[in-house]
């Protein structure tokens, strides 16, 4: 029988890899238009660099959590920390995609 921690860890790992792939497309390939909150008036290079970089950090955190759960099992504080970190980074990514911190093109 398969341990529930291994199933959960595998699901988290797949989700983390999906986030990393999308972060790669946004950050490295310059596809800022893939971000749901991308504002067309923002410089695409700026949005790609910062919003995509934030997405890459989110993906790395999810993959790290998945490996931790596969090795050591479920712990509620680890999951809570991951969720709080993802919530904060998601908000930050939305700000960057909307142009927060970008210099105006005037």
PDB file of N, CA and C in Angstrom:
ATOM      1  N   UNK A   1       0.844  -1.179   0.000  1.00  0.00           N
ATOM      2  CA  UNK A   1       0.000   0.000   0.000  1.00  0.00           C
ATOM      3  C   UNK A   1       0.892   1.247   0.000  1.00  0.00           C
ATOM      4  N   UNK A   2       0.466   2.250  -0.713  1.00  0.00           N
ATOM      5  CA  UNK A   2       1.237   3.485  -0.847  1.00  0.00           C
ATOM      6  C   UNK A   2       0.930   4.391   0.336  1.00  0.00           C
ATOM      7  N   UNK A   3       1.984   4.978   0.884  1.00  0.00           N
ATOM      8  CA  UNK A   3       1.827   5.909   1.994  1.00  0.00           C
ATOM      9  C   UNK A   3       1.194   7.197   1.480  1.00  0.00           C
ATOM     10  N   UNK A   4       0.276   7.750   2.256  1.00  0.00           N
ATOM     11  CA  UNK A   4      -0.416   8.987   1.859  1.00  0.00           C
ATOM     12  C   UNK A   4       0.555  10.152   1.709  1.00  0.00           C
ATOM     13  N   UNK A   5       1.625  10.151   2.485  1.00  0.00           N
ATOM     14  CA  UNK A   5       2.620  11.218   2.365  1.00  0.00           C
ATOM     15  C   UNK A   5       3.317  11.192   1.006  1.00  0.00           C
ATOM     16  N   UNK A   6       3.503  10.002   0.463  1.00  0.00           N
ATOM     17  CA  UNK A   6       4.141   9.886  -0.843  1.00  0.00           C
ATOM     18  C   UNK A   6       3.205  10.365  -1.954  1.00  0.00           C
ATOM     19  N   UNK A   7       1.941  10.067  -1.825  1.00  0.00           N
ATOM     20  CA  UNK A   7       0.975  10.542  -2.818  1.00  0.00           C
ATOM     21  C   UNK A   7       0.878  12.065  -2.765  1.00  0.00           C
ATOM     22  N   UNK A   8       0.739  12.601  -1.568  1.00  0.00           N
ATOM     23  CA  UNK A   8       0.645  14.052  -1.402  1.00  0.00           C
ATOM     24  C   UNK A   8       1.925  14.740  -1.869  1.00  0.00           C
ATOM     25  N   UNK A   9       3.071  14.177  -1.522  1.00  0.00           N
ATOM     26  CA  UNK A   9       4.339  14.738  -1.955  1.00  0.00           C
ATOM     27  C   UNK A   9       4.491  14.723  -3.469  1.00  0.00           C
ATOM     28  N   UNK A  10       4.020  13.664  -4.102  1.00  0.00           N
ATOM     29  CA  UNK A  10       4.091  13.583  -5.562  1.00  0.00           C
ATOM     30  C   UNK A  10       3.192  14.639  -6.213  1.00  0.00           C
ATOM     31  N   UNK A  11       2.015  14.861  -5.634  1.00  0.00           N
ATOM     32  CA  UNK A  11       1.119  15.896  -6.169  1.00  0.00           C
ATOM     33  C   UNK A  11       1.753  17.267  -6.005  1.00  0.00           C
ATOM     34  N   UNK A  12       2.333  17.539  -4.831  1.00  0.00           N
ATOM     35  CA  UNK A  12       3.011  18.823  -4.618  1.00  0.00           C
ATOM     36  C   UNK A  12       4.178  18.985  -5.581  1.00  0.00           C
ATOM     37  N   UNK A  13       4.893  17.897  -5.854  1.00  0.00           N
ATOM     38  CA  UNK A  13       6.022  17.949  -6.775  1.00  0.00           C
ATOM     39  C   UNK A  13       5.567  18.290  -8.194  1.00  0.00           C
ATOM     40  N   UNK A  14       4.490  17.674  -8.642  1.00  0.00           N
ATOM     41  CA  UNK A  14       3.962  17.985  -9.973  1.00  0.00           C
ATOM     42  C   UNK A  14       3.495  19.433 -10.052  1.00  0.00           C
ATOM     43  N   UNK A  15       2.835  19.918  -9.004  1.00  0.00           N
ATOM     44  CA  UNK A  15       2.392  21.318  -8.979  1.00  0.00           C
ATOM     45  C   UNK A  15       3.595  22.266  -8.999  1.00  0.00           C
ATOM     46  N   UNK A  16       4.618  21.946  -8.237  1.00  0.00           N
ATOM     47  CA  UNK A  16       5.816  22.770  -8.208  1.00  0.00           C
ATOM     48  C   UNK A  16       6.515  22.812  -9.550  1.00  0.00           C
ATOM     49  N   UNK A  17       6.567  21.675 -10.234  1.00  0.00           N
ATOM     50  CA  UNK A  17       7.186  21.645 -11.564  1.00  0.00           C
ATOM     51  C   UNK A  17       6.377  22.456 -12.570  1.00  0.00           C
ATOM     52  N   UNK A  18       5.048  22.428 -12.441  1.00  0.00           N
ATOM     53  CA  UNK A  18       4.206  23.238 -13.323  1.00  0.00           C
ATOM     54  C   UNK A  18       4.444  24.727 -13.069  1.00  0.00           C
ATOM     55  N   UNK A  19       4.563  25.114 -11.807  1.00  0.00           N
ATOM     56  CA  UNK A  19       4.835  26.517 -11.472  1.00  0.00           C
ATOM     57  C   UNK A  19       6.218  26.917 -11.995  1.00  0.00           C
ATOM     58  N   UNK A  20       7.200  26.044 -11.836  1.00  0.00           N
ATOM     59  CA  UNK A  20       8.533  26.334 -12.355  1.00  0.00           C
ATOM     60  C   UNK A  20       8.532  26.499 -13.873  1.00  0.00           C
ATOM     61  N   UNK A  21       7.769  25.674 -14.566  1.00  0.00           N
ATOM     62  CA  UNK A  21       7.702  25.776 -16.018  1.00  0.00           C
ATOM     63  C   UNK A  21       7.093  27.107 -16.442  1.00  0.00           C
ATOM     64  N   UNK A  22       5.999  27.497 -15.797  1.00  0.00           N
ATOM     65  CA  UNK A  22       5.380  28.781 -16.139  1.00  0.00           C
ATOM     66  C   UNK A  22       6.292  29.948 -15.753  1.00  0.00           C
ATOM     67  N   UNK A  23       6.960  29.837 -14.609  1.00  0.00           N
ATOM     68  CA  UNK A  23       7.916  30.862 -14.221  1.00  0.00           C
ATOM     69  C   UNK A  23       9.055  30.968 -15.212  1.00  0.00           C
ATOM     70  N   UNK A  24       9.503  29.838 -15.724  1.00  0.00           N
ATOM     71  CA  UNK A  24      10.553  29.831 -16.751  1.00  0.00           C
ATOM     72  C   UNK A  24      10.078  30.547 -18.013  1.00  0.00           C
ATOM     73  N   UNK A  25       8.861  30.242 -18.443  1.00  0.00           N
ATOM     74  CA  UNK A  25       8.333  30.891 -19.642  1.00  0.00           C
ATOM     75  C   UNK A  25       8.232  32.400 -19.468  1.00  0.00           C
ATOM     76  N   UNK A  26       7.815  32.828 -18.279  1.00  0.00           N
ATOM     77  CA  UNK A  26       7.659  34.257 -18.040  1.00  0.00           C
ATOM     78  C   UNK A  26       9.012  34.926 -17.863  1.00  0.00           C
ATOM     79  N   UNK A  27       9.863  34.373 -17.022  1.00  0.00           N
ATOM     80  CA  UNK A  27      11.125  35.032 -16.667  1.00  0.00           C
ATOM     81  C   UNK A  27      12.196  34.895 -17.744  1.00  0.00           C
ATOM     82  N   UNK A  28      12.395  33.719 -18.255  1.00  0.00           N
ATOM     83  CA  UNK A  28      13.516  33.472 -19.167  1.00  0.00           C
ATOM     84  C   UNK A  28      13.113  33.706 -20.625  1.00  0.00           C
ATOM     85  N   UNK A  29      11.945  33.260 -20.992  1.00  0.00           N
ATOM     86  CA  UNK A  29      11.506  33.403 -22.374  1.00  0.00           C
ATOM     87  C   UNK A  29      10.823  34.743 -22.655  1.00  0.00           C
ATOM     88  N   UNK A  30      10.585  35.537 -21.594  1.00  0.00           N
ATOM     89  CA  UNK A  30      10.019  36.867 -21.776  1.00  0.00           C
ATOM     90  C   UNK A  30       8.544  36.908 -22.111  1.00  0.00           C
ATOM     91  N   UNK A  31       7.801  35.915 -21.689  1.00  0.00           N
ATOM     92  CA  UNK A  31       6.369  35.843 -21.988  1.00  0.00           C
ATOM     93  C   UNK A  31       5.546  36.422 -20.844  1.00  0.00           C
ATOM     94  N   UNK A  32       5.701  37.720 -20.601  1.00  0.00           N
ATOM     95  CA  UNK A  32       4.967  38.381 -19.527  1.00  0.00           C
ATOM     96  C   UNK A  32       3.467  38.316 -19.756  1.00  0.00           C
ATOM     97  N   UNK A  33       3.049  38.171 -20.996  1.00  0.00           N
ATOM     98  CA  UNK A  33       1.620  38.101 -21.301  1.00  0.00           C
ATOM     99  C   UNK A  33       0.957  36.848 -20.735  1.00  0.00           C
ATOM    100  N   UNK A  34       1.737  35.869 -20.303  1.00  0.00           N
ATOM    101  CA  UNK A  34       1.166  34.669 -19.691  1.00  0.00           C
ATOM    102  C   UNK A  34       0.705  34.907 -18.255  1.00  0.00           C
ATOM    103  N   UNK A  35       1.182  35.983 -17.632  1.00  0.00           N
ATOM    104  CA  UNK A  35       0.764  36.291 -16.266  1.00  0.00           C
ATOM    105  C   UNK A  35      -0.655  36.841 -16.306  1.00  0.00           C
ATOM    106  N   UNK A  36      -1.511  36.344 -15.430  1.00  0.00           N
ATOM    107  CA  UNK A  36      -2.922  36.724 -15.439  1.00  0.00           C
ATOM    108  C   UNK A  36      -3.123  38.205 -15.164  1.00  0.00           C
ATOM    109  N   UNK A  37      -2.253  38.827 -14.407  1.00  0.00           N
ATOM    110  CA  UNK A  37      -2.415  40.224 -14.028  1.00  0.00           C
ATOM    111  C   UNK A  37      -1.489  41.160 -14.795  1.00  0.00           C
ATOM    112  N   UNK A  38      -0.970  40.732 -15.913  1.00  0.00           N
ATOM    113  CA  UNK A  38      -0.046  41.567 -16.675  1.00  0.00           C
ATOM    114  C   UNK A  38      -0.793  42.755 -17.267  1.00  0.00           C
ATOM    115  N   UNK A  39      -0.244  43.951 -17.046  1.00  0.00           N
ATOM    116  CA  UNK A  39      -0.797  45.179 -17.589  1.00  0.00           C
ATOM    117  C   UNK A  39       0.013  45.537 -18.840  1.00  0.00           C
ATOM    118  N   UNK A  40      -0.681  45.717 -19.949  1.00  0.00           N
ATOM    119  CA  UNK A  40      -0.007  45.967 -21.229  1.00  0.00           C
ATOM    120  C   UNK A  40       0.828  47.246 -21.233  1.00  0.00           C
ATOM    121  N   UNK A  41       0.527  48.184 -20.330  1.00  0.00           N
ATOM    122  CA  UNK A  41       1.274  49.443 -20.309  1.00  0.00           C
ATOM    123  C   UNK A  41       2.632  49.306 -19.620  1.00  0.00           C
ATOM    124  N   UNK A  42       2.876  48.178 -18.980  1.00  0.00           N
ATOM    125  CA  UNK A  42       4.136  47.940 -18.279  1.00  0.00           C
ATOM    126  C   UNK A  42       5.155  47.376 -19.265  1.00  0.00           C
ATOM    127  N   UNK A  43       6.399  47.778 -19.090  1.00  0.00           N
ATOM    128  CA  UNK A  43       7.483  47.259 -19.917  1.00  0.00           C
ATOM    129  C   UNK A  43       7.532  45.738 -19.786  1.00  0.00           C
ATOM    130  N   UNK A  44       7.417  45.001 -20.887  1.00  0.00           N
ATOM    131  CA  UNK A  44       7.396  43.538 -20.798  1.00  0.00           C
ATOM    132  C   UNK A  44       8.663  42.946 -20.189  1.00  0.00           C
ATOM    133  N   UNK A  45       9.809  43.569 -20.423  1.00  0.00           N
ATOM    134  CA  UNK A  45      11.057  43.046 -19.853  1.00  0.00           C
ATOM    135  C   UNK A  45      11.039  43.170 -18.335  1.00  0.00           C
ATOM    136  N   UNK A  46      10.526  44.291 -17.833  1.00  0.00           N
ATOM    137  CA  UNK A  46      10.443  44.485 -16.383  1.00  0.00           C
ATOM    138  C   UNK A  46       9.485  43.464 -15.760  1.00  0.00           C
ATOM    139  N   UNK A  47       8.292  43.341 -16.351  1.00  0.00           N
ATOM    140  CA  UNK A  47       7.300  42.412 -15.811  1.00  0.00           C
ATOM    141  C   UNK A  47       7.802  40.973 -15.890  1.00  0.00           C
ATOM    142  N   UNK A  48       8.477  40.638 -16.984  1.00  0.00           N
ATOM    143  CA  UNK A  48       8.999  39.280 -17.117  1.00  0.00           C
ATOM    144  C   UNK A  48      10.046  38.992 -16.055  1.00  0.00           C
ATOM    145  N   UNK A  49      10.954  39.943 -15.879  1.00  0.00           N
ATOM    146  CA  UNK A  49      12.046  39.724 -14.933  1.00  0.00           C
ATOM    147  C   UNK A  49      11.526  39.563 -13.506  1.00  0.00           C
ATOM    148  N   UNK A  50      10.675  40.468 -13.055  1.00  0.00           N
ATOM    149  CA  UNK A  50      10.274  40.462 -11.657  1.00  0.00           C
ATOM    150  C   UNK A  50       9.113  39.514 -11.366  1.00  0.00           C
ATOM    151  N   UNK A  51       8.083  39.534 -12.176  1.00  0.00           N
ATOM    152  CA  UNK A  51       6.958  38.620 -11.944  1.00  0.00           C
ATOM    153  C   UNK A  51       7.376  37.175 -12.206  1.00  0.00           C
ATOM    154  N   UNK A  52       8.161  36.965 -13.251  1.00  0.00           N
ATOM    155  CA  UNK A  52       8.644  35.611 -13.543  1.00  0.00           C
ATOM    156  C   UNK A  52       9.617  35.106 -12.509  1.00  0.00           C
ATOM    157  N   UNK A  53      10.487  35.997 -12.029  1.00  0.00           N
ATOM    158  CA  UNK A  53      11.414  35.603 -10.969  1.00  0.00           C
ATOM    159  C   UNK A  53      10.693  35.220  -9.691  1.00  0.00           C
ATOM    160  N   UNK A  54       9.640  35.959  -9.388  1.00  0.00           N
ATOM    161  CA  UNK A  54       8.830  35.621  -8.211  1.00  0.00           C
ATOM    162  C   UNK A  54       8.151  34.267  -8.400  1.00  0.00           C
ATOM    163  N   UNK A  55       7.683  33.998  -9.610  1.00  0.00           N
ATOM    164  CA  UNK A  55       7.067  32.695  -9.892  1.00  0.00           C
ATOM    165  C   UNK A  55       8.087  31.561  -9.761  1.00  0.00           C
ATOM    166  N   UNK A  56       9.325  31.821 -10.177  1.00  0.00           N
ATOM    167  CA  UNK A  56      10.363  30.796 -10.022  1.00  0.00           C
ATOM    168  C   UNK A  56      10.635  30.494  -8.550  1.00  0.00           C
ATOM    169  N   UNK A  57      10.639  31.533  -7.719  1.00  0.00           N
ATOM    170  CA  UNK A  57      10.830  31.323  -6.280  1.00  0.00           C
ATOM    171  C   UNK A  57       9.666  30.519  -5.716  1.00  0.00           C
ATOM    172  N   UNK A  58       8.457  30.825  -6.162  1.00  0.00           N
ATOM    173  CA  UNK A  58       7.290  30.063  -5.698  1.00  0.00           C
ATOM    174  C   UNK A  58       7.414  28.589  -6.078  1.00  0.00           C
ATOM    175  N   UNK A  59       7.825  28.334  -7.304  1.00  0.00           N
ATOM    176  CA  UNK A  59       7.989  26.954  -7.748  1.00  0.00           C
ATOM    177  C   UNK A  59       9.057  26.215  -6.968  1.00  0.00           C
ATOM    178  N   UNK A  60      10.160  26.891  -6.691  1.00  0.00           N
ATOM    179  CA  UNK A  60      11.221  26.258  -5.896  1.00  0.00           C
ATOM    180  C   UNK A  60      10.753  25.934  -4.488  1.00  0.00           C
ATOM    181  N   UNK A  61       9.958  26.828  -3.892  1.00  0.00           N
ATOM    182  CA  UNK A  61       9.425  26.555  -2.559  1.00  0.00           C
ATOM    183  C   UNK A  61       8.502  25.338  -2.563  1.00  0.00           C
ATOM    184  N   UNK A  62       7.660  25.228  -3.574  1.00  0.00           N
ATOM    185  CA  UNK A  62       6.734  24.096  -3.648  1.00  0.00           C
ATOM    186  C   UNK A  62       7.505  22.785  -3.865  1.00  0.00           C
ATOM    187  N   UNK A  63       8.510  22.813  -4.727  1.00  0.00           N
ATOM    188  CA  UNK A  63       9.319  21.602  -4.945  1.00  0.00           C
ATOM    189  C   UNK A  63      10.068  21.220  -3.665  1.00  0.00           C
ATOM    190  N   UNK A  64      10.609  22.218  -2.960  1.00  0.00           N
ATOM    191  CA  UNK A  64      11.310  21.929  -1.703  1.00  0.00           C
ATOM    192  C   UNK A  64      10.355  21.335  -0.678  1.00  0.00           C
ATOM    193  N   UNK A  65       9.138  21.874  -0.602  1.00  0.00           N
ATOM    194  CA  UNK A  65       8.151  21.317   0.323  1.00  0.00           C
ATOM    195  C   UNK A  65       7.797  19.880  -0.078  1.00  0.00           C
ATOM    196  N   UNK A  66       7.653  19.632  -1.369  1.00  0.00           N
ATOM    197  CA  UNK A  66       7.308  18.288  -1.832  1.00  0.00           C
ATOM    198  C   UNK A  66       8.391  17.289  -1.451  1.00  0.00           C
ATOM    199  N   UNK A  67       9.644  17.666  -1.634  1.00  0.00           N
ATOM    200  CA  UNK A  67      10.741  16.770  -1.263  1.00  0.00           C
ATOM    201  C   UNK A  67      10.750  16.543   0.240  1.00  0.00           C
ATOM    202  N   UNK A  68      10.498  17.617   1.006  1.00  0.00           N
ATOM    203  CA  UNK A  68      10.447  17.499   2.470  1.00  0.00           C
ATOM    204  C   UNK A  68       9.327  16.548   2.900  1.00  0.00           C
ATOM    205  N   UNK A  69       8.171  16.654   2.230  1.00  0.00           N
ATOM    206  CA  UNK A  69       7.058  15.775   2.591  1.00  0.00           C
ATOM    207  C   UNK A  69       7.328  14.339   2.166  1.00  0.00           C
ATOM    208  N   UNK A  70       7.968  14.148   1.042  1.00  0.00           N
ATOM    209  CA  UNK A  70       8.303  12.787   0.611  1.00  0.00           C
ATOM    210  C   UNK A  70       9.282  12.121   1.575  1.00  0.00           C
ATOM    211  N   UNK A  71      10.221  12.898   2.102  1.00  0.00           N
ATOM    212  CA  UNK A  71      11.237  12.329   2.984  1.00  0.00           C
ATOM    213  C   UNK A  71      10.765  12.178   4.427  1.00  0.00           C
ATOM    214  N   UNK A  72      10.088  13.206   4.950  1.00  0.00           N
ATOM    215  CA  UNK A  72       9.784  13.234   6.380  1.00  0.00           C
ATOM    216  C   UNK A  72       8.309  13.141   6.718  1.00  0.00           C
ATOM    217  N   UNK A  73       7.435  13.243   5.747  1.00  0.00           N
ATOM    218  CA  UNK A  73       6.007  13.161   6.015  1.00  0.00           C
ATOM    219  C   UNK A  73       5.379  14.526   6.254  1.00  0.00           C
ATOM    220  N   UNK A  74       4.090  14.501   6.487  1.00  0.00           N
ATOM    221  CA  UNK A  74       3.318  15.725   6.656  1.00  0.00           C
ATOM    222  C   UNK A  74       3.599  16.365   8.005  1.00  0.00           C
ATOM    223  N   UNK A  75       3.697  17.695   7.985  1.00  0.00           N
ATOM    224  CA  UNK A  75       3.777  18.470   9.220  1.00  0.00           C
ATOM    225  C   UNK A  75       2.960  19.739   8.993  1.00  0.00           C
ATOM    226  N   UNK A  76       1.995  20.032   9.875  1.00  0.00           N
ATOM    227  CA  UNK A  76       1.100  21.169   9.621  1.00  0.00           C
ATOM    228  C   UNK A  76       1.804  22.518   9.589  1.00  0.00           C
ATOM    229  N   UNK A  77       2.859  22.708  10.374  1.00  0.00           N
ATOM    230  CA  UNK A  77       3.559  23.995  10.367  1.00  0.00           C
ATOM    231  C   UNK A  77       4.314  24.217   9.056  1.00  0.00           C
ATOM    232  N   UNK A  78       4.839  23.151   8.481  1.00  0.00           N
ATOM    233  CA  UNK A  78       5.528  23.275   7.188  1.00  0.00           C
ATOM    234  C   UNK A  78       4.529  23.651   6.096  1.00  0.00           C
ATOM    235  N   UNK A  79       3.363  23.011   6.106  1.00  0.00           N
ATOM    236  CA  UNK A  79       2.339  23.337   5.117  1.00  0.00           C
ATOM    237  C   UNK A  79       1.831  24.763   5.325  1.00  0.00           C
ATOM    238  N   UNK A  80       1.631  25.159   6.568  1.00  0.00           N
ATOM    239  CA  UNK A  80       1.187  26.519   6.856  1.00  0.00           C
ATOM    240  C   UNK A  80       2.199  27.552   6.405  1.00  0.00           C
ATOM    241  N   UNK A  81       3.472  27.287   6.652  1.00  0.00           N
ATOM    242  CA  UNK A  81       4.522  28.192   6.201  1.00  0.00           C
ATOM    243  C   UNK A  81       4.566  28.303   4.689  1.00  0.00           C
ATOM    244  N   UNK A  82       4.394  27.173   4.007  1.00  0.00           N
ATOM    245  CA  UNK A  82       4.372  27.186   2.550  1.00  0.00           C
ATOM    246  C   UNK A  82       3.209  28.021   2.039  1.00  0.00           C
ATOM    247  N   UNK A  83       2.035  27.820   2.607  1.00  0.00           N
ATOM    248  CA  UNK A  83       0.859  28.550   2.142  1.00  0.00           C
ATOM    249  C   UNK A  83       0.980  30.049   2.385  1.00  0.00           C
ATOM    250  N   UNK A  84       1.512  30.441   3.519  1.00  0.00           N
ATOM    251  CA  UNK A  84       1.714  31.871   3.802  1.00  0.00           C
ATOM    252  C   UNK A  84       2.739  32.464   2.837  1.00  0.00           C
ATOM    253  N   UNK A  85       3.821  31.739   2.594  1.00  0.00           N
ATOM    254  CA  UNK A  85       4.844  32.215   1.656  1.00  0.00           C
ATOM    255  C   UNK A  85       4.275  32.335   0.244  1.00  0.00           C
ATOM    256  N   UNK A  86       3.483  31.351  -0.185  1.00  0.00           N
ATOM    257  CA  UNK A  86       2.888  31.406  -1.517  1.00  0.00           C
ATOM    258  C   UNK A  86       1.892  32.545  -1.639  1.00  0.00           C
ATOM    259  N   UNK A  87       1.136  32.800  -0.589  1.00  0.00           N
ATOM    260  CA  UNK A  87       0.175  33.907  -0.612  1.00  0.00           C
ATOM    261  C   UNK A  87       0.902  35.241  -0.752  1.00  0.00           C
ATOM    262  N   UNK A  88       1.960  35.433   0.026  1.00  0.00           N
ATOM    263  CA  UNK A  88       2.725  36.670  -0.048  1.00  0.00           C
ATOM    264  C   UNK A  88       3.417  36.845  -1.386  1.00  0.00           C
ATOM    265  N   UNK A  89       4.031  35.784  -1.893  1.00  0.00           N
ATOM    266  CA  UNK A  89       4.719  35.865  -3.182  1.00  0.00           C
ATOM    267  C   UNK A  89       3.738  36.043  -4.340  1.00  0.00           C
ATOM    268  N   UNK A  90       2.556  35.466  -4.220  1.00  0.00           N
ATOM    269  CA  UNK A  90       1.539  35.650  -5.247  1.00  0.00           C
ATOM    270  C   UNK A  90       1.108  37.110  -5.320  1.00  0.00           C
ATOM    271  N   UNK A  91       0.913  37.720  -4.167  1.00  0.00           N
ATOM    272  CA  UNK A  91       0.554  39.138  -4.128  1.00  0.00           C
ATOM    273  C   UNK A  91       1.672  39.996  -4.717  1.00  0.00           C
ATOM    274  N   UNK A  92       2.905  39.679  -4.372  1.00  0.00           N
ATOM    275  CA  UNK A  92       4.051  40.415  -4.895  1.00  0.00           C
ATOM    276  C   UNK A  92       4.164  40.253  -6.416  1.00  0.00           C
ATOM    277  N   UNK A  93       3.907  39.063  -6.918  1.00  0.00           N
ATOM    278  CA  UNK A  93       3.951  38.813  -8.353  1.00  0.00           C
ATOM    279  C   UNK A  93       2.879  39.625  -9.079  1.00  0.00           C
ATOM    280  N   UNK A  94       1.697  39.711  -8.488  1.00  0.00           N
ATOM    281  CA  UNK A  94       0.639  40.528  -9.089  1.00  0.00           C
ATOM    282  C   UNK A  94       1.032  41.998  -9.131  1.00  0.00           C
ATOM    283  N   UNK A  95       1.666  42.470  -8.073  1.00  0.00           N
ATOM    284  CA  UNK A  95       2.124  43.859  -8.063  1.00  0.00           C
ATOM    285  C   UNK A  95       3.145  44.112  -9.169  1.00  0.00           C
ATOM    286  N   UNK A  96       4.122  43.216  -9.313  1.00  0.00           N
ATOM    287  CA  UNK A  96       5.140  43.380 -10.338  1.00  0.00           C
ATOM    288  C   UNK A  96       4.541  43.314 -11.740  1.00  0.00           C
ATOM    289  N   UNK A  97       3.585  42.415 -11.966  1.00  0.00           N
ATOM    290  CA  UNK A  97       2.960  42.304 -13.283  1.00  0.00           C
ATOM    291  C   UNK A  97       2.146  43.551 -13.609  1.00  0.00           C
ATOM    292  N   UNK A  98       1.653  44.233 -12.579  1.00  0.00           N
ATOM    293  CA  UNK A  98       0.909  45.461 -12.786  1.00  0.00           C
ATOM    294  C   UNK A  98       1.782  46.691 -12.907  1.00  0.00           C
ATOM    295  N   UNK A  99       3.063  46.556 -12.708  1.00  0.00           N
ATOM    296  CA  UNK A  99       3.983  47.656 -12.896  1.00  0.00           C
ATOM    297  C   UNK A  99       4.508  48.284 -11.627  1.00  0.00           C
ATOM    298  N   UNK A 100       4.294  47.679 -10.476  1.00  0.00           N
ATOM    299  CA  UNK A 100       4.794  48.223  -9.221  1.00  0.00           C
ATOM    300  C   UNK A 100       6.318  48.292  -9.251  1.00  0.00           C
ATOM    301  N   UNK A 101       6.854  49.462  -8.998  1.00  0.00           N
ATOM    302  CA  UNK A 101       8.302  49.647  -8.958  1.00  0.00           C
ATOM    303  C   UNK A 101       8.937  49.945 -10.293  1.00  0.00           C
ATOM    304  N   UNK A 102       8.165  49.898 -11.363  1.00  0.00           N
ATOM    305  CA  UNK A 102       8.728  50.187 -12.684  1.00  0.00           C
ATOM    306  C   UNK A 102       8.800  51.688 -12.896  1.00  0.00           C
ATOM    307  N   UNK A 103       9.837  52.103 -13.574  1.00  0.00           N
ATOM    308  CA  UNK A 103       9.946  53.512 -13.929  1.00  0.00           C
ATOM    309  C   UNK A 103       9.040  53.800 -15.098  1.00  0.00           C
ATOM    310  N   UNK A 104       8.453  54.970 -15.111  1.00  0.00           N
ATOM    311  CA  UNK A 104       7.556  55.315 -16.206  1.00  0.00           C
ATOM    312  C   UNK A 104       8.326  55.509 -17.503  1.00  0.00           C
ATOM    313  N   UNK A 105       7.655  55.353 -18.612  1.00  0.00           N
ATOM    314  CA  UNK A 105       8.288  55.450 -19.924  1.00  0.00           C
ATOM    315  C   UNK A 105       8.299  56.875 -20.462  1.00  0.00           C
ATOM    316  N   UNK A 106       8.016  57.861 -19.671  1.00  0.00           N
ATOM    317  CA  UNK A 106       7.922  59.255 -20.147  1.00  0.00           C
ATOM    318  C   UNK A 106       9.202  59.744 -20.725  1.00  0.00           C
TER     319      UNK A 106
END
